[in-house]
Amino acid sequence: MNYESLKLDNQLCFALYACAKEVTRIYKPFLDKFGITYTQYITLLALWEEDNITVKELGKKLHLDSGTLTPLLKKLENMEILKRIRDTEDERNVYVKLSEKGMKMKDEALEIPGKVFCSTGMSMEEALDLREKLKLLLNNLQ
């Protein structure tokens, strides 16, 4: 029998997992300055792109379930970075809106993507190609 397919280094899932861990590690010192985690950062990225959206829409954008998203939003709300507002017409909908503090953080975070990109050792073309391939993989897996 050939067990090559069971070698750790031959696993796409492991390469993605290890890479994601390392990328998140590179973000950490930049995010520590704001006192936020990587998951909180991507939440802010989504809200800086489109503010005042429902928790459901936000979860869909971030590929996070409500069990993960709700405590994360509570923590950001306690940090006065955002507000959760229940819809008065349909109480099932909760909107997420950045506070002034959350909006100001956008300018301060502007340098983060460039600094992280410099850590990759990739050319811009390689990075863009990888991102498109990962988006295609994500699409295919859904």
C-alpha atoms as a PDB file:
ATOM      1  CA  MET A   1       0.000   0.000   0.000  1.00  0.00           C
ATOM      2  CA  ASN A   2       1.090   3.546  -0.723  1.00  0.00           C
ATOM      3  CA  TYR A   3       0.495   5.864   2.234  1.00  0.00           C
ATOM      4  CA  GLU A   4       1.852   9.024   0.526  1.00  0.00           C
ATOM      5  CA  SER A   5      -1.607  10.606   0.601  1.00  0.00           C
ATOM      6  CA  LEU A   6      -1.609  10.375   4.403  1.00  0.00           C
ATOM      7  CA  LYS A   7       1.632  12.288   4.916  1.00  0.00           C
ATOM      8  CA  LEU A   8       1.109  15.541   6.778  1.00  0.00           C
ATOM      9  CA  ASP A   9       3.143  17.546   4.269  1.00  0.00           C
ATOM     10  CA  ASN A  10       0.941  16.279   1.438  1.00  0.00           C
ATOM     11  CA  GLN A  11      -2.245  17.680   3.010  1.00  0.00           C
ATOM     12  CA  LEU A  12      -3.766  20.845   1.552  1.00  0.00           C
ATOM     13  CA  CYS A  13      -5.735  21.305   4.777  1.00  0.00           C
ATOM     14  CA  PHE A  14      -2.574  21.314   6.884  1.00  0.00           C
ATOM     15  CA  ALA A  15      -0.792  23.789   4.595  1.00  0.00           C
ATOM     16  CA  LEU A  16      -3.813  26.126   4.845  1.00  0.00           C
ATOM     17  CA  TYR A  17      -4.098  25.655   8.619  1.00  0.00           C
ATOM     18  CA  ALA A  18      -0.400  26.273   9.328  1.00  0.00           C
ATOM     19  CA  CYS A  19      -0.312  29.260   6.976  1.00  0.00           C
ATOM     20  CA  ALA A  20      -3.413  30.810   8.562  1.00  0.00           C
ATOM     21  CA  LYS A  21      -1.849  30.411  12.025  1.00  0.00           C
ATOM     22  CA  GLU A  22       1.360  32.120  10.901  1.00  0.00           C
ATOM     23  CA  VAL A  23      -0.458  34.983   9.185  1.00  0.00           C
ATOM     24  CA  THR A  24      -2.552  35.542  12.310  1.00  0.00           C
ATOM     25  CA  ARG A  25       0.662  35.524  14.389  1.00  0.00           C
ATOM     26  CA  ILE A  26       2.131  38.251  12.161  1.00  0.00           C
ATOM     27  CA  TYR A  27      -0.967  40.425  12.737  1.00  0.00           C
ATOM     28  CA  LYS A  28      -0.786  40.062  16.531  1.00  0.00           C
ATOM     29  CA  PRO A  29       1.693  42.864  17.393  1.00  0.00           C
ATOM     30  CA  PHE A  30      -0.204  45.330  15.206  1.00  0.00           C
ATOM     31  CA  LEU A  31      -3.554  44.366  16.725  1.00  0.00           C
ATOM     32  CA  ASP A  32      -2.216  44.379  20.296  1.00  0.00           C
ATOM     33  CA  LYS A  33      -1.795  48.135  19.858  1.00  0.00           C
ATOM     34  CA  PHE A  34      -5.601  48.340  19.591  1.00  0.00           C
ATOM     35  CA  GLY A  35      -6.275  45.650  22.185  1.00  0.00           C
ATOM     36  CA  ILE A  36      -8.145  43.481  19.671  1.00  0.00           C
ATOM     37  CA  THR A  37      -7.865  39.941  18.336  1.00  0.00           C
ATOM     38  CA  TYR A  38      -7.582  38.908  14.699  1.00  0.00           C
ATOM     39  CA  THR A  39     -11.262  37.886  14.600  1.00  0.00           C
ATOM     40  CA  GLN A  40     -12.242  41.279  16.031  1.00  0.00           C
ATOM     41  CA  TYR A  41     -10.027  42.924  13.393  1.00  0.00           C
ATOM     42  CA  ILE A  42     -11.729  41.170  10.479  1.00  0.00           C
ATOM     43  CA  THR A  43     -15.077  42.142  12.023  1.00  0.00           C
ATOM     44  CA  LEU A  44     -13.950  45.767  11.973  1.00  0.00           C
ATOM     45  CA  LEU A  45     -12.730  45.396   8.380  1.00  0.00           C
ATOM     46  CA  ALA A  46     -16.205  44.228   7.368  1.00  0.00           C
ATOM     47  CA  LEU A  47     -17.864  47.107   9.245  1.00  0.00           C
ATOM     48  CA  TRP A  48     -15.449  49.715   7.847  1.00  0.00           C
ATOM     49  CA  GLU A  49     -16.510  48.472   4.428  1.00  0.00           C
ATOM     50  CA  GLU A  50     -20.229  48.420   5.216  1.00  0.00           C
ATOM     51  CA  ASP A  51     -21.459  49.829   8.524  1.00  0.00           C
ATOM     52  CA  ASN A  52     -24.888  49.418  10.117  1.00  0.00           C
ATOM     53  CA  ILE A  53     -25.626  45.886   8.918  1.00  0.00           C
ATOM     54  CA  THR A  54     -27.450  43.062  10.648  1.00  0.00           C
ATOM     55  CA  VAL A  55     -25.626  40.486  12.753  1.00  0.00           C
ATOM     56  CA  LYS A  56     -26.829  37.884  10.251  1.00  0.00           C
ATOM     57  CA  GLU A  57     -25.286  39.774   7.293  1.00  0.00           C
ATOM     58  CA  LEU A  58     -22.062  40.292   9.215  1.00  0.00           C
ATOM     59  CA  GLY A  59     -21.853  36.604  10.105  1.00  0.00           C
ATOM     60  CA  LYS A  60     -22.329  35.681   6.459  1.00  0.00           C
ATOM     61  CA  LYS A  61     -19.537  38.048   5.344  1.00  0.00           C
ATOM     62  CA  LEU A  62     -17.148  36.704   7.980  1.00  0.00           C
ATOM     63  CA  HIS A  63     -18.181  33.033   7.681  1.00  0.00           C
ATOM     64  CA  LEU A  64     -18.914  33.013  11.421  1.00  0.00           C
ATOM     65  CA  ASP A  65     -21.917  31.499  13.188  1.00  0.00           C
ATOM     66  CA  SER A  66     -23.877  33.471  15.761  1.00  0.00           C
ATOM     67  CA  GLY A  67     -22.363  31.432  18.615  1.00  0.00           C
ATOM     68  CA  THR A  68     -18.945  32.846  17.703  1.00  0.00           C
ATOM     69  CA  LEU A  69     -20.067  36.271  16.545  1.00  0.00           C
ATOM     70  CA  THR A  70     -22.334  37.255  19.456  1.00  0.00           C
ATOM     71  CA  PRO A  71     -19.677  37.118  22.222  1.00  0.00           C
ATOM     72  CA  LEU A  72     -17.194  38.834  19.897  1.00  0.00           C
ATOM     73  CA  LEU A  73     -19.659  41.681  19.262  1.00  0.00           C
ATOM     74  CA  LYS A  74     -20.457  41.946  22.988  1.00  0.00           C
ATOM     75  CA  LYS A  75     -16.767  42.378  23.743  1.00  0.00           C
ATOM     76  CA  LEU A  76     -16.349  45.045  21.022  1.00  0.00           C
ATOM     77  CA  GLU A  77     -19.447  46.777  22.378  1.00  0.00           C
ATOM     78  CA  ASN A  78     -17.994  46.725  25.914  1.00  0.00           C
ATOM     79  CA  MET A  79     -14.839  48.289  24.455  1.00  0.00           C
ATOM     80  CA  GLU A  80     -17.115  51.026  23.001  1.00  0.00           C
ATOM     81  CA  ILE A  81     -15.989  50.215  19.442  1.00  0.00           C
ATOM     82  CA  LEU A  82     -19.472  49.400  18.168  1.00  0.00           C
ATOM     83  CA  LYS A  83     -23.125  49.341  19.150  1.00  0.00           C
ATOM     84  CA  ARG A  84     -25.707  46.628  18.663  1.00  0.00           C
ATOM     85  CA  ILE A  85     -29.141  48.067  17.951  1.00  0.00           C
ATOM     86  CA  ARG A  86     -32.314  45.978  17.877  1.00  0.00           C
ATOM     87  CA  ASP A  87     -34.643  46.797  14.982  1.00  0.00           C
ATOM     88  CA  THR A  88     -37.799  48.442  16.353  1.00  0.00           C
ATOM     89  CA  GLU A  89     -39.976  47.048  13.533  1.00  0.00           C
ATOM     90  CA  ASP A  90     -38.610  43.505  13.614  1.00  0.00           C
ATOM     91  CA  GLU A  91     -36.996  42.597  16.937  1.00  0.00           C
ATOM     92  CA  ARG A  92     -35.369  39.517  15.397  1.00  0.00           C
ATOM     93  CA  ASN A  93     -32.944  41.806  13.549  1.00  0.00           C
ATOM     94  CA  VAL A  94     -30.012  43.310  15.392  1.00  0.00           C
ATOM     95  CA  TYR A  95     -27.903  45.897  13.599  1.00  0.00           C
ATOM     96  CA  VAL A  96     -24.215  46.449  14.216  1.00  0.00           C
ATOM     97  CA  LYS A  97     -22.991  50.023  13.958  1.00  0.00           C
ATOM     98  CA  LEU A  98     -19.532  51.418  14.583  1.00  0.00           C
ATOM     99  CA  SER A  99     -19.138  53.993  17.328  1.00  0.00           C
ATOM    100  CA  GLU A 100     -17.061  57.107  16.793  1.00  0.00           C
ATOM    101  CA  LYS A 101     -14.136  55.279  18.420  1.00  0.00           C
ATOM    102  CA  GLY A 102     -14.597  52.371  15.989  1.00  0.00           C
ATOM    103  CA  MET A 103     -14.652  54.715  13.006  1.00  0.00           C
ATOM    104  CA  LYS A 104     -11.493  56.505  14.186  1.00  0.00           C
ATOM    105  CA  MET A 105      -9.665  53.183  14.440  1.00  0.00           C
ATOM    106  CA  LYS A 106      -9.957  52.831  10.660  1.00  0.00           C
ATOM    107  CA  ASP A 107      -7.399  55.601  10.058  1.00  0.00           C
ATOM    108  CA  GLU A 108      -5.056  54.150  12.667  1.00  0.00           C
ATOM    109  CA  ALA A 109      -5.315  50.650  11.143  1.00  0.00           C
ATOM    110  CA  LEU A 110      -4.516  51.824   7.623  1.00  0.00           C
ATOM    111  CA  GLU A 111      -0.865  50.776   7.876  1.00  0.00           C
ATOM    112  CA  ILE A 112      -1.557  47.187   8.987  1.00  0.00           C
ATOM    113  CA  PRO A 113      -2.172  45.485   5.591  1.00  0.00           C
ATOM    114  CA  GLY A 114       1.020  46.911   4.090  1.00  0.00           C
ATOM    115  CA  LYS A 115       3.148  45.898   7.056  1.00  0.00           C
ATOM    116  CA  VAL A 116       1.721  42.384   7.053  1.00  0.00           C
ATOM    117  CA  PHE A 117       2.200  42.105   3.271  1.00  0.00           C
ATOM    118  CA  CYS A 118       5.900  43.006   3.653  1.00  0.00           C
ATOM    119  CA  SER A 119       6.256  40.026   5.998  1.00  0.00           C
ATOM    120  CA  THR A 120       5.105  37.559   3.330  1.00  0.00           C
ATOM    121  CA  GLY A 121       8.146  37.821   1.087  1.00  0.00           C
ATOM    122  CA  MET A 122       5.796  37.620  -1.891  1.00  0.00           C
ATOM    123  CA  SER A 123       5.493  39.967  -4.845  1.00  0.00           C
ATOM    124  CA  MET A 124       2.213  41.838  -5.210  1.00  0.00           C
ATOM    125  CA  GLU A 125       1.376  39.660  -8.219  1.00  0.00           C
ATOM    126  CA  GLU A 126       2.017  36.440  -6.257  1.00  0.00           C
ATOM    127  CA  ALA A 127      -0.078  37.664  -3.323  1.00  0.00           C
ATOM    128  CA  LEU A 128      -2.996  38.689  -5.559  1.00  0.00           C
ATOM    129  CA  ASP A 129      -2.819  35.358  -7.420  1.00  0.00           C
ATOM    130  CA  LEU A 130      -2.827  33.421  -4.127  1.00  0.00           C
ATOM    131  CA  ARG A 131      -5.770  35.447  -2.816  1.00  0.00           C
ATOM    132  CA  GLU A 132      -7.790  34.717  -5.982  1.00  0.00           C
ATOM    133  CA  LYS A 133      -6.979  31.005  -5.779  1.00  0.00           C
ATOM    134  CA  LEU A 134      -8.058  30.920  -2.125  1.00  0.00           C
ATOM    135  CA  LYS A 135     -11.301  32.725  -2.982  1.00  0.00           C
ATOM    136  CA  LEU A 136     -11.944  30.148  -5.712  1.00  0.00           C
ATOM    137  CA  LEU A 137     -11.268  27.316  -3.256  1.00  0.00           C
ATOM    138  CA  LEU A 138     -13.637  28.869  -0.706  1.00  0.00           C
ATOM    139  CA  ASN A 139     -16.311  29.243  -3.383  1.00  0.00           C
ATOM    140  CA  ASN A 140     -15.872  25.621  -4.470  1.00  0.00           C
ATOM    141  CA  LEU A 141     -16.095  24.371  -0.896  1.00  0.00           C
ATOM    142  CA  GLN A 142     -19.339  26.199  -0.209  1.00  0.00           C
END
